[in-house]
Amino acid sequence: MGSVLVLNGPNLNLLGRREPATYGSITLADIETRLRAEARELGLSIDCFQSNHEGVLVDRVQGAADDGTALLIMNPAAFTHTSVALRDAVLGVSIPLIEVHLSNVHRREPFRAHSYFSDIALGTIVGLGAIGYSLALRAAA
């Protein structure tokens, strides 16, 4: 397997401070540190990237087509429910995707139940907190 790209969308840089009852107290840096260690154990190469800007995420997905990325693990955050552009970028690079959400989006506001990514993903992990990223990485291996 080649490299795994872990993408995180808007506001995930605030993990640990933002709504800890919903998202937990772990920070994105903590998640990324754990994923890097797990990737080493699994013999995978990993790159982690977060942006609050849709176009920057689109650019990073498009760049994945040329940098050896074999699988995307993505928490699109709010873009899950709004971004046709990010969806089109994923489809355009033809790199398999695993969608991850910290909270159970199906138990929240009705608009959060719709994802522009679930139907194009290999799988979707929701509601298991930060361990969802680890499960996605293990599935990638």
N, C-alpha and C. Protein backbone atom coordinates (compact mmCIF):
# COMPACT_ATOMS: atom_id res chain seq x y z
N MET A 1 0.85 -1.18 0.00
CA MET A 1 0.00 0.00 0.00
C MET A 1 0.88 1.23 0.00
N GLY A 2 0.47 2.24 -0.72
CA GLY A 2 1.19 3.50 -0.74
C GLY A 2 0.85 4.34 0.47
N SER A 3 0.85 5.60 0.27
CA SER A 3 0.63 6.55 1.34
C SER A 3 -0.86 6.76 1.61
N VAL A 4 -1.17 7.05 2.86
CA VAL A 4 -2.52 7.40 3.29
C VAL A 4 -2.54 8.89 3.59
N LEU A 5 -3.52 9.58 3.06
CA LEU A 5 -3.72 10.99 3.34
C LEU A 5 -4.93 11.14 4.25
N VAL A 6 -4.72 11.76 5.41
CA VAL A 6 -5.80 12.03 6.36
C VAL A 6 -6.14 13.51 6.24
N LEU A 7 -7.36 13.78 5.78
CA LEU A 7 -7.83 15.16 5.59
C LEU A 7 -8.88 15.51 6.64
N ASN A 8 -8.76 16.69 7.19
CA ASN A 8 -9.74 17.18 8.16
C ASN A 8 -10.23 18.56 7.75
N GLY A 9 -11.53 18.73 7.81
CA GLY A 9 -12.16 19.97 7.38
C GLY A 9 -12.27 21.02 8.46
N PRO A 10 -13.18 21.97 8.25
CA PRO A 10 -13.26 23.16 9.08
C PRO A 10 -13.59 22.88 10.54
N ASN A 11 -12.96 23.66 11.38
CA ASN A 11 -13.15 23.69 12.83
C ASN A 11 -12.55 22.50 13.57
N LEU A 12 -12.02 21.52 12.84
CA LEU A 12 -11.41 20.39 13.54
C LEU A 12 -10.09 20.79 14.20
N ASN A 13 -9.53 21.93 13.80
CA ASN A 13 -8.37 22.48 14.50
C ASN A 13 -8.73 22.90 15.92
N LEU A 14 -10.02 23.00 16.22
CA LEU A 14 -10.47 23.41 17.56
C LEU A 14 -10.80 22.22 18.47
N LEU A 15 -10.54 21.01 17.99
CA LEU A 15 -10.82 19.84 18.82
C LEU A 15 -10.12 19.96 20.17
N GLY A 16 -10.82 19.51 21.20
CA GLY A 16 -10.31 19.62 22.56
C GLY A 16 -10.86 20.84 23.28
N ARG A 17 -11.26 21.86 22.50
CA ARG A 17 -11.85 23.08 23.06
C ARG A 17 -13.29 23.24 22.62
N ARG A 18 -13.58 22.81 21.41
CA ARG A 18 -14.90 23.03 20.82
C ARG A 18 -15.87 21.92 21.22
N GLU A 19 -16.92 22.27 21.90
CA GLU A 19 -17.99 21.35 22.25
C GLU A 19 -17.48 19.97 22.68
N PRO A 20 -16.72 19.90 23.77
CA PRO A 20 -16.15 18.62 24.18
C PRO A 20 -17.20 17.55 24.48
N ALA A 21 -18.41 17.95 24.85
CA ALA A 21 -19.45 16.95 25.08
C ALA A 21 -19.83 16.23 23.79
N THR A 22 -19.66 16.89 22.66
CA THR A 22 -19.97 16.30 21.36
C THR A 22 -18.75 15.67 20.72
N TYR A 23 -17.61 16.36 20.79
CA TYR A 23 -16.42 15.94 20.03
C TYR A 23 -15.31 15.35 20.89
N GLY A 24 -15.44 15.40 22.20
CA GLY A 24 -14.41 14.86 23.07
C GLY A 24 -13.36 15.90 23.42
N SER A 25 -12.41 15.48 24.25
CA SER A 25 -11.39 16.41 24.73
C SER A 25 -10.04 16.22 24.04
N ILE A 26 -9.93 15.25 23.17
CA ILE A 26 -8.68 15.01 22.46
C ILE A 26 -8.49 16.07 21.37
N THR A 27 -7.25 16.49 21.17
CA THR A 27 -6.97 17.50 20.15
C THR A 27 -6.66 16.83 18.81
N LEU A 28 -6.71 17.61 17.76
CA LEU A 28 -6.35 17.09 16.44
C LEU A 28 -4.87 16.69 16.43
N ALA A 29 -4.03 17.45 17.11
CA ALA A 29 -2.60 17.09 17.19
C ALA A 29 -2.43 15.73 17.87
N ASP A 30 -3.23 15.47 18.91
CA ASP A 30 -3.17 14.17 19.59
C ASP A 30 -3.57 13.04 18.63
N ILE A 31 -4.63 13.27 17.88
CA ILE A 31 -5.10 12.27 16.92
C ILE A 31 -4.02 11.99 15.88
N GLU A 32 -3.43 13.05 15.35
CA GLU A 32 -2.41 12.90 14.31
C GLU A 32 -1.16 12.19 14.84
N THR A 33 -0.76 12.50 16.07
CA THR A 33 0.40 11.82 16.68
C THR A 33 0.13 10.34 16.80
N ARG A 34 -1.06 9.99 17.28
CA ARG A 34 -1.41 8.57 17.42
C ARG A 34 -1.46 7.88 16.06
N LEU A 35 -2.04 8.55 15.06
CA LEU A 35 -2.13 7.95 13.73
C LEU A 35 -0.74 7.72 13.12
N ARG A 36 0.17 8.65 13.33
CA ARG A 36 1.52 8.48 12.78
C ARG A 36 2.20 7.25 13.41
N ALA A 37 2.02 7.08 14.72
CA ALA A 37 2.59 5.91 15.40
C ALA A 37 1.94 4.62 14.89
N GLU A 38 0.64 4.62 14.75
CA GLU A 38 -0.06 3.44 14.26
C GLU A 38 0.33 3.12 12.82
N ALA A 39 0.50 4.16 12.01
CA ALA A 39 0.90 3.95 10.62
C ALA A 39 2.28 3.29 10.56
N ARG A 40 3.20 3.74 11.41
CA ARG A 40 4.53 3.11 11.45
C ARG A 40 4.41 1.63 11.79
N GLU A 41 3.59 1.31 12.80
CA GLU A 41 3.39 -0.09 13.20
C GLU A 41 2.81 -0.92 12.06
N LEU A 42 1.97 -0.30 11.25
CA LEU A 42 1.31 -1.01 10.14
C LEU A 42 2.13 -0.97 8.86
N GLY A 43 3.24 -0.27 8.88
CA GLY A 43 4.07 -0.16 7.70
C GLY A 43 3.51 0.75 6.63
N LEU A 44 2.74 1.74 7.06
CA LEU A 44 2.13 2.68 6.13
C LEU A 44 2.81 4.04 6.21
N SER A 45 2.79 4.74 5.11
CA SER A 45 3.20 6.14 5.07
C SER A 45 1.94 6.97 5.25
N ILE A 46 2.04 8.06 6.01
CA ILE A 46 0.84 8.86 6.29
C ILE A 46 1.16 10.35 6.23
N ASP A 47 0.21 11.10 5.73
CA ASP A 47 0.28 12.56 5.74
C ASP A 47 -1.04 13.06 6.30
N CYS A 48 -0.97 14.02 7.23
CA CYS A 48 -2.17 14.60 7.82
C CYS A 48 -2.27 16.06 7.41
N PHE A 49 -3.50 16.49 7.09
CA PHE A 49 -3.71 17.84 6.60
C PHE A 49 -5.08 18.33 7.06
N GLN A 50 -5.13 19.57 7.56
CA GLN A 50 -6.38 20.18 7.98
C GLN A 50 -6.47 21.58 7.41
N SER A 51 -7.67 21.96 6.98
CA SER A 51 -7.91 23.33 6.56
C SER A 51 -9.36 23.72 6.84
N ASN A 52 -9.55 25.00 7.10
CA ASN A 52 -10.88 25.56 7.25
C ASN A 52 -11.42 26.07 5.92
N HIS A 53 -10.63 25.92 4.85
CA HIS A 53 -10.97 26.51 3.56
C HIS A 53 -11.23 25.42 2.52
N GLU A 54 -12.39 25.48 1.94
CA GLU A 54 -12.82 24.46 0.98
C GLU A 54 -11.85 24.33 -0.20
N GLY A 55 -11.47 25.44 -0.79
CA GLY A 55 -10.59 25.39 -1.95
C GLY A 55 -9.23 24.80 -1.63
N VAL A 56 -8.73 25.05 -0.44
CA VAL A 56 -7.44 24.48 -0.03
C VAL A 56 -7.56 22.96 0.08
N LEU A 57 -8.68 22.48 0.61
CA LEU A 57 -8.90 21.03 0.70
C LEU A 57 -9.04 20.43 -0.70
N VAL A 58 -9.73 21.11 -1.58
CA VAL A 58 -9.85 20.64 -2.98
C VAL A 58 -8.47 20.55 -3.60
N ASP A 59 -7.65 21.58 -3.42
CA ASP A 59 -6.29 21.56 -3.97
C ASP A 59 -5.49 20.38 -3.41
N ARG A 60 -5.62 20.11 -2.12
CA ARG A 60 -4.85 19.00 -1.51
C ARG A 60 -5.31 17.66 -2.06
N VAL A 61 -6.62 17.49 -2.23
CA VAL A 61 -7.13 16.25 -2.82
C VAL A 61 -6.59 16.10 -4.24
N GLN A 62 -6.64 17.15 -5.02
CA GLN A 62 -6.14 17.07 -6.39
C GLN A 62 -4.65 16.74 -6.41
N GLY A 63 -3.89 17.30 -5.47
CA GLY A 63 -2.47 17.00 -5.37
C GLY A 63 -2.18 15.55 -5.02
N ALA A 64 -3.12 14.93 -4.34
CA ALA A 64 -2.96 13.52 -3.95
C ALA A 64 -2.87 12.60 -5.16
N ALA A 65 -3.40 13.03 -6.27
CA ALA A 65 -3.35 12.21 -7.48
C ALA A 65 -1.92 12.03 -7.98
N ASP A 66 -1.03 12.93 -7.60
CA ASP A 66 0.33 12.91 -8.12
C ASP A 66 1.40 12.62 -7.06
N ASP A 67 1.00 12.41 -5.81
CA ASP A 67 2.01 12.25 -4.76
C ASP A 67 2.08 10.84 -4.16
N GLY A 68 1.46 9.89 -4.82
CA GLY A 68 1.53 8.51 -4.34
C GLY A 68 0.47 8.13 -3.34
N THR A 69 -0.49 9.00 -3.10
CA THR A 69 -1.56 8.67 -2.16
C THR A 69 -2.38 7.52 -2.71
N ALA A 70 -2.54 6.49 -1.88
CA ALA A 70 -3.30 5.31 -2.27
C ALA A 70 -4.69 5.29 -1.66
N LEU A 71 -4.88 6.03 -0.53
CA LEU A 71 -6.17 6.03 0.14
C LEU A 71 -6.35 7.34 0.89
N LEU A 72 -7.56 7.85 0.86
CA LEU A 72 -7.93 9.05 1.62
C LEU A 72 -8.76 8.64 2.84
N ILE A 73 -8.40 9.17 3.99
CA ILE A 73 -9.26 9.10 5.18
C ILE A 73 -9.67 10.55 5.41
N MET A 74 -10.96 10.81 5.39
CA MET A 74 -11.39 12.21 5.45
C MET A 74 -12.55 12.41 6.41
N ASN A 75 -12.40 13.44 7.25
CA ASN A 75 -13.50 13.99 8.02
C ASN A 75 -13.76 15.36 7.42
N PRO A 76 -14.73 15.44 6.51
CA PRO A 76 -15.00 16.72 5.85
C PRO A 76 -15.64 17.75 6.77
N ALA A 77 -16.03 17.33 7.99
CA ALA A 77 -16.67 18.23 8.95
C ALA A 77 -17.90 18.88 8.30
N ALA A 78 -18.06 20.18 8.45
CA ALA A 78 -19.25 20.84 7.91
C ALA A 78 -19.38 20.71 6.40
N PHE A 79 -18.25 20.52 5.71
CA PHE A 79 -18.30 20.34 4.26
C PHE A 79 -18.97 19.03 3.86
N THR A 80 -19.14 18.13 4.82
CA THR A 80 -19.86 16.88 4.57
C THR A 80 -21.22 17.16 3.95
N HIS A 81 -21.87 18.19 4.43
CA HIS A 81 -23.26 18.48 4.09
C HIS A 81 -23.41 19.55 3.02
N THR A 82 -22.28 20.09 2.55
CA THR A 82 -22.38 21.25 1.64
C THR A 82 -21.50 21.21 0.41
N SER A 83 -20.43 20.42 0.42
CA SER A 83 -19.40 20.62 -0.59
C SER A 83 -19.45 19.64 -1.76
N VAL A 84 -20.11 20.08 -2.82
CA VAL A 84 -20.08 19.33 -4.07
C VAL A 84 -18.68 19.45 -4.68
N ALA A 85 -18.02 20.58 -4.48
CA ALA A 85 -16.67 20.78 -5.03
C ALA A 85 -15.68 19.77 -4.45
N LEU A 86 -15.73 19.54 -3.15
CA LEU A 86 -14.83 18.58 -2.52
C LEU A 86 -15.17 17.16 -2.95
N ARG A 87 -16.44 16.87 -3.07
CA ARG A 87 -16.87 15.56 -3.58
C ARG A 87 -16.33 15.33 -4.99
N ASP A 88 -16.50 16.34 -5.85
CA ASP A 88 -16.03 16.21 -7.23
C ASP A 88 -14.52 16.03 -7.28
N ALA A 89 -13.78 16.67 -6.37
CA ALA A 89 -12.33 16.49 -6.33
C ALA A 89 -11.98 15.05 -5.99
N VAL A 90 -12.68 14.47 -5.01
CA VAL A 90 -12.44 13.07 -4.64
C VAL A 90 -12.74 12.16 -5.82
N LEU A 91 -13.86 12.38 -6.46
CA LEU A 91 -14.20 11.57 -7.64
C LEU A 91 -13.19 11.77 -8.76
N GLY A 92 -12.69 12.98 -8.91
CA GLY A 92 -11.78 13.30 -9.99
C GLY A 92 -10.42 12.63 -9.87
N VAL A 93 -9.99 12.31 -8.65
CA VAL A 93 -8.67 11.69 -8.49
C VAL A 93 -8.75 10.17 -8.41
N SER A 94 -9.95 9.64 -8.29
CA SER A 94 -10.16 8.19 -8.25
C SER A 94 -9.32 7.49 -7.18
N ILE A 95 -9.18 8.12 -6.02
CA ILE A 95 -8.48 7.52 -4.88
C ILE A 95 -9.55 7.05 -3.89
N PRO A 96 -9.49 5.79 -3.44
CA PRO A 96 -10.50 5.30 -2.49
C PRO A 96 -10.54 6.17 -1.23
N LEU A 97 -11.74 6.28 -0.67
CA LEU A 97 -12.02 7.16 0.47
C LEU A 97 -12.68 6.38 1.59
N ILE A 98 -12.24 6.65 2.82
CA ILE A 98 -12.97 6.24 4.02
C ILE A 98 -13.36 7.53 4.73
N GLU A 99 -14.65 7.68 4.97
CA GLU A 99 -15.21 8.88 5.62
C GLU A 99 -15.29 8.63 7.12
N VAL A 100 -14.84 9.61 7.91
CA VAL A 100 -14.83 9.49 9.37
C VAL A 100 -15.52 10.70 9.97
N HIS A 101 -16.35 10.45 11.00
CA HIS A 101 -16.96 11.52 11.79
C HIS A 101 -16.85 11.17 13.26
N LEU A 102 -16.43 12.12 14.07
CA LEU A 102 -16.29 11.89 15.50
C LEU A 102 -17.63 11.64 16.17
N SER A 103 -18.61 12.46 15.83
CA SER A 103 -19.94 12.33 16.44
C SER A 103 -20.84 11.48 15.55
N ASN A 104 -21.92 11.01 16.12
CA ASN A 104 -22.90 10.28 15.34
C ASN A 104 -23.81 11.31 14.67
N VAL A 105 -23.50 11.61 13.43
CA VAL A 105 -24.23 12.65 12.70
C VAL A 105 -25.70 12.33 12.54
N HIS A 106 -26.06 11.06 12.66
CA HIS A 106 -27.46 10.65 12.49
C HIS A 106 -28.29 10.89 13.74
N ARG A 107 -27.64 11.21 14.85
CA ARG A 107 -28.35 11.51 16.10
C ARG A 107 -28.36 12.99 16.40
N ARG A 108 -27.97 13.79 15.42
CA ARG A 108 -27.88 15.22 15.61
C ARG A 108 -28.93 15.93 14.77
N GLU A 109 -28.70 17.17 14.42
CA GLU A 109 -29.66 17.93 13.63
C GLU A 109 -29.90 17.21 12.30
N PRO A 110 -31.14 17.28 11.79
CA PRO A 110 -31.47 16.54 10.56
C PRO A 110 -30.56 16.86 9.37
N PHE A 111 -30.10 18.10 9.24
CA PHE A 111 -29.26 18.43 8.08
C PHE A 111 -27.93 17.69 8.12
N ARG A 112 -27.49 17.24 9.30
CA ARG A 112 -26.21 16.54 9.40
C ARG A 112 -26.28 15.09 8.92
N ALA A 113 -27.47 14.57 8.73
CA ALA A 113 -27.62 13.17 8.30
C ALA A 113 -27.26 12.99 6.83
N HIS A 114 -27.27 14.06 6.06
CA HIS A 114 -26.93 13.95 4.63
C HIS A 114 -25.45 14.19 4.42
N SER A 115 -24.81 13.28 3.70
CA SER A 115 -23.39 13.41 3.37
C SER A 115 -23.22 13.36 1.86
N TYR A 116 -22.40 14.24 1.34
CA TYR A 116 -22.04 14.20 -0.08
C TYR A 116 -20.94 13.18 -0.35
N PHE A 117 -20.50 12.45 0.69
CA PHE A 117 -19.37 11.54 0.55
C PHE A 117 -19.68 10.08 0.84
N SER A 118 -20.68 9.82 1.65
CA SER A 118 -20.94 8.44 2.07
C SER A 118 -21.17 7.49 0.90
N ASP A 119 -21.86 7.95 -0.13
CA ASP A 119 -22.17 7.05 -1.25
C ASP A 119 -20.97 6.79 -2.15
N ILE A 120 -19.90 7.57 -2.01
CA ILE A 120 -18.71 7.33 -2.83
C ILE A 120 -17.56 6.75 -2.00
N ALA A 121 -17.79 6.57 -0.71
CA ALA A 121 -16.76 6.07 0.19
C ALA A 121 -16.76 4.54 0.23
N LEU A 122 -15.57 3.97 0.48
CA LEU A 122 -15.49 2.53 0.74
C LEU A 122 -16.27 2.18 1.99
N GLY A 123 -16.20 3.07 2.97
CA GLY A 123 -16.90 2.89 4.23
C GLY A 123 -16.97 4.19 4.97
N THR A 124 -17.87 4.23 5.94
CA THR A 124 -18.06 5.43 6.76
C THR A 124 -18.06 5.01 8.22
N ILE A 125 -17.29 5.72 9.03
CA ILE A 125 -17.21 5.45 10.47
C ILE A 125 -17.74 6.69 11.18
N VAL A 126 -18.83 6.53 11.92
CA VAL A 126 -19.44 7.67 12.61
C VAL A 126 -19.68 7.34 14.08
N GLY A 127 -19.53 8.37 14.91
CA GLY A 127 -19.97 8.29 16.29
C GLY A 127 -19.06 7.55 17.25
N LEU A 128 -17.87 7.17 16.83
CA LEU A 128 -16.97 6.43 17.72
C LEU A 128 -15.85 7.29 18.26
N GLY A 129 -15.94 8.60 18.05
CA GLY A 129 -14.91 9.50 18.52
C GLY A 129 -13.61 9.32 17.75
N ALA A 130 -12.51 9.68 18.39
CA ALA A 130 -11.22 9.68 17.73
C ALA A 130 -10.76 8.30 17.29
N ILE A 131 -11.24 7.26 17.92
CA ILE A 131 -10.85 5.91 17.52
C ILE A 131 -11.30 5.59 16.09
N GLY A 132 -12.28 6.32 15.59
CA GLY A 132 -12.73 6.13 14.21
C GLY A 132 -11.60 6.30 13.21
N TYR A 133 -10.69 7.24 13.47
CA TYR A 133 -9.54 7.43 12.58
C TYR A 133 -8.64 6.19 12.60
N SER A 134 -8.41 5.65 13.79
CA SER A 134 -7.58 4.44 13.91
C SER A 134 -8.22 3.27 13.19
N LEU A 135 -9.52 3.13 13.33
CA LEU A 135 -10.21 2.04 12.63
C LEU A 135 -10.08 2.19 11.12
N ALA A 136 -10.20 3.42 10.64
CA ALA A 136 -10.04 3.67 9.20
C ALA A 136 -8.63 3.34 8.75
N LEU A 137 -7.63 3.70 9.55
CA LEU A 137 -6.25 3.40 9.20
C LEU A 137 -6.02 1.89 9.16
N ARG A 138 -6.57 1.18 10.10
CA ARG A 138 -6.44 -0.30 10.12
C ARG A 138 -7.14 -0.91 8.91
N ALA A 139 -8.27 -0.36 8.55
CA ALA A 139 -8.97 -0.84 7.35
C ALA A 139 -8.11 -0.58 6.10
N ALA A 140 -7.43 0.55 6.09
CA ALA A 140 -6.55 0.87 4.95
C ALA A 140 -5.42 -0.15 4.84
N ALA A 141 -4.90 -0.57 5.99
CA ALA A 141 -3.79 -1.55 5.99
C ALA A 141 -4.29 -2.88 5.47
